[in-house]
Protein backbone atom coordinates (compact mmCIF):
# COMPACT_ATOMS: atom_id res chain seq x y z
CA MET A 1 8.90 0.50 12.86
CA THR A 2 12.18 1.65 14.40
CA ASN A 3 12.80 3.54 17.65
CA ASP A 4 13.52 6.73 15.71
CA GLY A 5 10.25 6.72 13.77
CA PHE A 6 10.95 5.01 10.45
CA ILE A 7 7.89 3.04 9.33
CA LEU A 8 7.41 0.63 6.44
CA THR A 9 4.07 0.72 4.66
CA ASN A 10 2.73 0.08 1.16
CA ARG A 11 3.69 2.12 -1.87
CA HIS A 12 0.00 2.46 -2.77
CA VAL A 13 -0.50 4.11 0.64
CA ALA A 14 2.46 6.50 0.71
CA ALA A 15 2.63 7.19 -3.05
CA ASN A 16 -0.78 6.27 -4.42
CA TRP A 17 -0.09 7.91 -7.79
CA ARG A 18 2.14 4.91 -8.46
CA ALA A 19 -0.78 2.50 -8.09
CA PRO A 20 -3.71 1.80 -10.44
CA TYR A 21 -6.56 4.32 -10.35
CA SER A 22 -10.09 3.15 -11.11
CA PHE A 23 -12.36 5.51 -13.00
CA ASP A 24 -16.13 5.13 -13.05
CA PRO A 25 -16.57 2.49 -15.80
CA ASN A 26 -19.81 4.15 -16.89
CA ALA A 27 -18.18 7.54 -17.42
CA VAL A 28 -17.87 8.58 -21.06
CA GLY A 29 -15.80 11.49 -22.38
CA VAL A 30 -14.88 13.04 -25.69
CA LEU A 31 -11.55 12.67 -27.45
CA LEU A 32 -9.40 15.80 -27.58
CA GLN A 33 -6.75 16.29 -30.24
CA GLN A 34 -4.50 19.34 -29.96
CA GLY A 35 -6.97 20.92 -27.57
CA GLN A 36 -9.96 20.47 -29.90
CA ILE A 37 -12.83 17.97 -29.76
CA ALA A 38 -12.10 15.22 -32.29
CA LEU A 39 -14.92 14.46 -34.75
CA ASP A 40 -15.77 11.30 -36.66
CA GLU A 41 -16.67 11.09 -40.36
CA GLN A 42 -20.23 12.18 -39.58
CA GLY A 43 -19.01 15.24 -37.73
CA GLN A 44 -19.97 13.85 -34.33
CA PRO A 45 -17.67 13.97 -31.28
CA ILE A 46 -15.63 10.81 -30.82
CA LEU A 47 -16.58 9.25 -27.49
CA VAL A 48 -14.05 7.38 -25.36
CA ARG A 49 -14.29 5.35 -22.19
CA PRO A 50 -11.83 5.71 -19.30
CA PRO A 51 -8.79 3.44 -19.20
CA SER A 52 -8.69 0.48 -16.85
CA ARG A 53 -5.93 0.05 -14.26
CA TRP A 54 -4.53 3.48 -15.15
CA ILE A 55 -1.34 4.33 -13.25
CA PRO A 56 -0.82 8.12 -13.07
CA SER A 57 2.97 7.95 -12.67
CA GLU A 58 3.30 5.92 -15.88
CA THR A 59 1.47 8.43 -18.09
CA LYS A 60 3.10 10.91 -20.43
CA GLN A 61 1.72 14.45 -20.37
CA THR A 62 1.99 16.99 -23.19
CA GLY A 63 2.69 20.58 -22.23
CA PRO A 64 1.77 23.82 -24.03
CA LYS A 65 4.95 23.63 -26.11
CA ASP A 66 4.34 19.97 -27.07
CA GLU A 67 6.95 18.90 -24.53
CA PHE A 68 6.40 15.51 -22.92
CA ASP A 69 6.87 14.88 -19.23
CA VAL A 70 5.79 12.33 -16.62
CA PHE A 71 3.23 12.79 -13.87
CA ARG A 72 4.79 13.59 -10.51
CA GLY A 73 2.66 13.07 -7.42
CA ARG A 74 2.86 14.80 -4.06
CA GLN A 75 1.41 14.08 -0.64
CA GLU A 76 -0.24 17.17 0.82
CA TYR A 77 -0.27 15.49 4.22
CA MET A 78 0.05 11.99 5.67
CA MET A 79 -0.99 11.29 9.25
CA VAL A 80 0.03 8.34 11.44
CA ARG A 81 -1.96 7.27 14.47
CA PHE A 82 -0.85 4.87 17.18
CA ARG A 83 -2.82 2.34 19.19
CA LYS A 84 -5.33 3.87 21.64
CA ASN A 85 -4.03 7.38 20.91
CA THR A 86 -6.32 9.87 19.16
CA THR A 87 -3.66 12.50 18.39
CA PRO A 88 -1.83 11.81 15.10
CA LEU A 89 1.73 12.53 14.05
CA GLU A 90 2.46 13.87 10.59
CA ALA A 91 4.62 11.60 8.46
CA THR A 92 6.95 12.36 5.57
CA SER A 93 7.86 10.09 2.69
CA GLN A 94 11.48 8.93 2.68
CA ARG A 95 11.90 6.29 -0.02
CA VAL A 96 9.61 4.42 -2.41
CA SER A 97 10.47 1.02 -3.86
CA ASP A 98 10.73 0.56 -7.61
CA GLN A 99 10.39 -3.21 -7.21
CA HIS A 100 7.40 -3.88 -4.97
CA ASP A 101 4.44 -2.33 -3.16
CA VAL A 102 6.45 -0.94 -0.24
CA ALA A 103 7.55 2.52 0.91
CA LEU A 104 9.45 4.03 3.83
CA ILE A 105 7.94 6.94 5.78
CA LYS A 106 9.02 8.71 8.97
CA VAL A 107 7.42 10.42 11.96
CA SER A 108 9.18 12.61 14.51
CA ALA A 109 8.34 12.11 18.19
CA PRO A 110 10.13 13.36 21.33
CA ALA A 111 10.04 9.92 22.92
CA SER A 112 11.60 6.72 21.65
CA LEU A 113 8.98 4.69 19.79
CA PRO A 114 8.37 0.95 20.24
CA LYS A 115 10.05 -1.08 17.53
CA VAL A 116 9.50 -4.45 15.91
CA GLU A 117 12.11 -6.95 14.74
CA LEU A 118 12.37 -7.23 10.97
CA TYR A 119 13.55 -10.64 9.81
CA ASP A 120 14.27 -11.68 6.23
CA SER A 121 13.02 -15.27 6.07
CA TYR A 122 12.52 -15.27 2.31
CA ASP A 123 14.74 -18.29 1.69
CA MET A 124 13.42 -20.26 4.69
CA THR A 125 9.68 -19.61 4.74
CA LYS A 126 7.61 -22.66 3.81
CA VAL A 127 4.05 -23.28 2.74
CA GLY A 128 1.98 -24.01 5.84
CA ASP A 129 3.95 -21.73 8.19
CA GLN A 130 1.70 -19.94 10.67
CA VAL A 131 1.58 -16.15 10.36
CA THR A 132 -0.28 -13.28 12.02
CA VAL A 133 -1.34 -10.07 10.30
CA MET A 134 -2.03 -6.90 12.29
CA GLY A 135 -3.77 -3.79 11.03
CA TYR A 136 -6.92 -1.75 10.72
CA PRO A 137 -9.25 -3.44 8.20
CA GLY A 138 -12.22 -1.36 7.16
CA VAL A 139 -14.59 -4.21 8.00
CA SER A 140 -13.62 -4.03 11.69
CA SER A 141 -15.84 -2.12 14.11
CA VAL A 142 -14.77 1.46 14.80
CA VAL A 143 -14.37 2.86 18.32
CA ILE A 144 -15.31 6.54 18.71
CA ALA A 145 -14.14 8.70 21.62
CA VAL A 146 -15.79 11.97 22.62
CA LEU A 147 -13.07 14.30 23.94
CA ARG A 148 -14.19 17.01 26.33
CA SER A 149 -12.50 20.33 25.73
CA ARG A 150 -10.43 22.01 28.44
CA ASP A 151 -9.63 24.92 26.14
CA MET A 152 -11.28 28.20 27.09
CA PHE A 153 -11.08 29.40 23.48
CA ASN A 154 -12.74 26.31 22.01
CA ARG A 155 -15.30 24.64 24.25
CA GLU A 156 -16.68 22.23 21.65
CA ALA A 157 -16.25 18.50 22.33
CA GLN A 158 -14.43 16.57 19.60
CA GLN A 159 -15.18 13.12 18.22
CA ARG A 160 -12.16 11.05 17.23
CA VAL A 161 -11.63 7.49 16.05
CA VAL A 162 -9.64 5.45 18.58
CA PRO A 163 -7.11 3.28 16.70
CA ASP A 164 -7.52 -0.31 17.88
CA PRO A 165 -5.71 -2.89 15.74
CA THR A 166 -7.18 -6.18 14.59
CA VAL A 167 -5.14 -9.40 14.66
CA SER A 168 -5.78 -12.05 11.99
CA VAL A 169 -4.15 -15.49 12.22
CA GLY A 170 -3.64 -17.95 9.37
CA ASN A 171 -1.05 -19.75 7.29
CA ILE A 172 1.03 -19.23 4.19
CA GLY A 173 -0.97 -21.09 1.57
CA LYS A 174 1.37 -20.54 -1.35
CA ILE A 175 4.66 -18.82 -2.10
CA LEU A 176 4.85 -17.03 -5.44
CA ARG A 177 8.37 -16.11 -6.40
CA ALA A 178 9.30 -13.75 -9.23
CA ALA A 179 11.61 -16.40 -10.67
CA ASP A 180 10.72 -19.84 -9.34
CA GLY A 181 13.14 -22.08 -11.16
CA PRO A 182 13.73 -23.27 -14.73
CA VAL A 183 10.89 -24.73 -16.81
CA SER A 184 12.03 -25.73 -20.29
CA GLU A 185 15.01 -23.38 -19.93
CA SER A 186 12.77 -20.47 -18.95
CA GLN A 187 11.57 -18.99 -15.70
CA LEU A 188 8.16 -18.88 -14.08
CA GLU A 189 6.92 -15.31 -13.85
CA PHE A 190 3.93 -14.60 -11.61
CA SER A 191 1.74 -11.55 -12.06
CA SER A 192 1.86 -11.07 -8.29
CA GLY A 193 5.67 -10.97 -8.19
CA ASP A 194 7.37 -12.10 -4.99
CA THR A 195 4.33 -12.74 -2.82
CA TYR A 196 3.12 -14.80 0.10
CA GLN A 197 -0.42 -15.99 -0.57
CA LEU A 198 -2.22 -16.28 2.77
CA THR A 199 -5.17 -18.31 4.02
CA ILE A 200 -6.23 -15.29 6.09
CA ASN A 201 -9.70 -14.20 4.92
CA SER A 202 -10.83 -12.17 7.94
CA THR A 203 -9.16 -8.96 6.80
CA GLY A 204 -9.13 -6.83 3.68
CA GLY A 205 -9.24 -3.21 2.59
CA GLY A 206 -7.75 -0.88 5.18
CA ASN A 207 -5.18 -3.42 6.38
CA SER A 208 -2.67 -2.34 3.73
CA GLY A 209 0.80 -1.78 5.16
CA GLY A 210 0.14 -3.94 8.22
CA PRO A 211 2.96 -6.16 9.49
CA MET A 212 2.91 -9.94 9.06
CA PHE A 213 4.56 -11.76 11.97
CA ASP A 214 5.99 -15.27 12.06
CA ALA A 215 5.50 -17.68 14.95
CA SER A 216 8.43 -16.05 16.78
CA GLY A 217 6.92 -12.55 16.64
CA ARG A 218 9.26 -11.25 13.95
CA VAL A 219 7.99 -9.21 11.00
CA ILE A 220 8.63 -11.24 7.85
CA GLY A 221 6.19 -9.53 5.48
CA ILE A 222 3.84 -6.63 4.83
CA TYR A 223 0.18 -7.12 3.96
CA PHE A 224 -0.72 -5.42 0.69
CA ALA A 225 -3.69 -6.95 -1.14
CA GLY A 226 -6.65 -9.27 -1.14
CA ARG A 227 -8.64 -11.10 -3.80
CA ARG A 228 -12.21 -12.33 -3.74
CA THR A 229 -14.01 -14.66 -6.18
CA ASP A 230 -16.05 -17.51 -4.73
CA ALA A 231 -13.47 -17.51 -1.93
CA GLN A 232 -11.19 -14.89 -0.41
CA ILE A 233 -7.42 -14.91 -0.05
CA SER A 234 -4.89 -12.24 0.86
CA PHE A 235 -1.29 -11.40 0.03
CA ALA A 236 1.84 -10.13 1.78
CA LEU A 237 5.18 -9.13 0.31
CA PRO A 238 8.50 -10.36 1.75
CA ILE A 239 10.08 -7.97 4.25
CA ARG A 240 13.35 -8.02 2.31
CA TYR A 241 11.92 -5.38 -0.04
CA GLY A 242 11.34 -3.13 2.94
CA LEU A 243 14.80 -3.81 4.34
CA GLU A 244 16.28 -2.68 1.03
CA LEU A 245 14.69 0.75 1.55
CA MET A 246 16.38 0.99 4.95
CA SER A 247 19.81 0.34 3.47
CA VAL A 248 22.02 1.84 0.78
CA ALA A 249 23.55 -1.53 -0.09
CA PRO A 250 23.07 -2.90 -3.64
CA ASN A 251 19.60 -4.35 -4.27
CA SER A 252 19.13 -8.11 -4.34
CA ASN A 253 18.25 -9.67 -7.67
């Protein structure tokens, strides 16, 4: 975050229509063709199951005049809360990355906001480096405050969640680069893209968009995902993708 209210978060937080949507796998629908229920050879409706890992922004929609267009999402509202403060600020989307799961949003506040140092250590970070992730994982206990009203027009007390961040410490267990060197005159391509795989397993859903600090207290990444099988690992993206959103310079390759 900067003093003037620019905040980096995940693309799937600020523009979730550009992330996979999961339908109920047990839901079954009927196939429509030109607005009519499609029938099989026996005259029965053709049943279809929902797609998996469907991304709304990547779909093509047909209009009433058979004109194709893409799905455009819109945030009705996006609220940002700060540590130990129950009153949120409304945020607006500024830029969304086309390369990674990162987006830039902004809040307006009368006072100067505390900032963090963003440091691009992409070319220097090593496996085994200690890192710290901060955020609000859903598994963490929630603190509730009961606010007494001083308003003569509304005397009802209000319950509000008190934001209280969780700190998770671990190491970089693996570095997955989008192009990690030649192998038989080709390049290694990882499904995760440019990603730091972390040994941190004490956080998860809800921590998306949280900063990842190095041992010097600089933000070098942004937490964005976790994976669980017989063990649990988590992932952060390099901060350079966030820095690109804060600049108008040409993108790095």
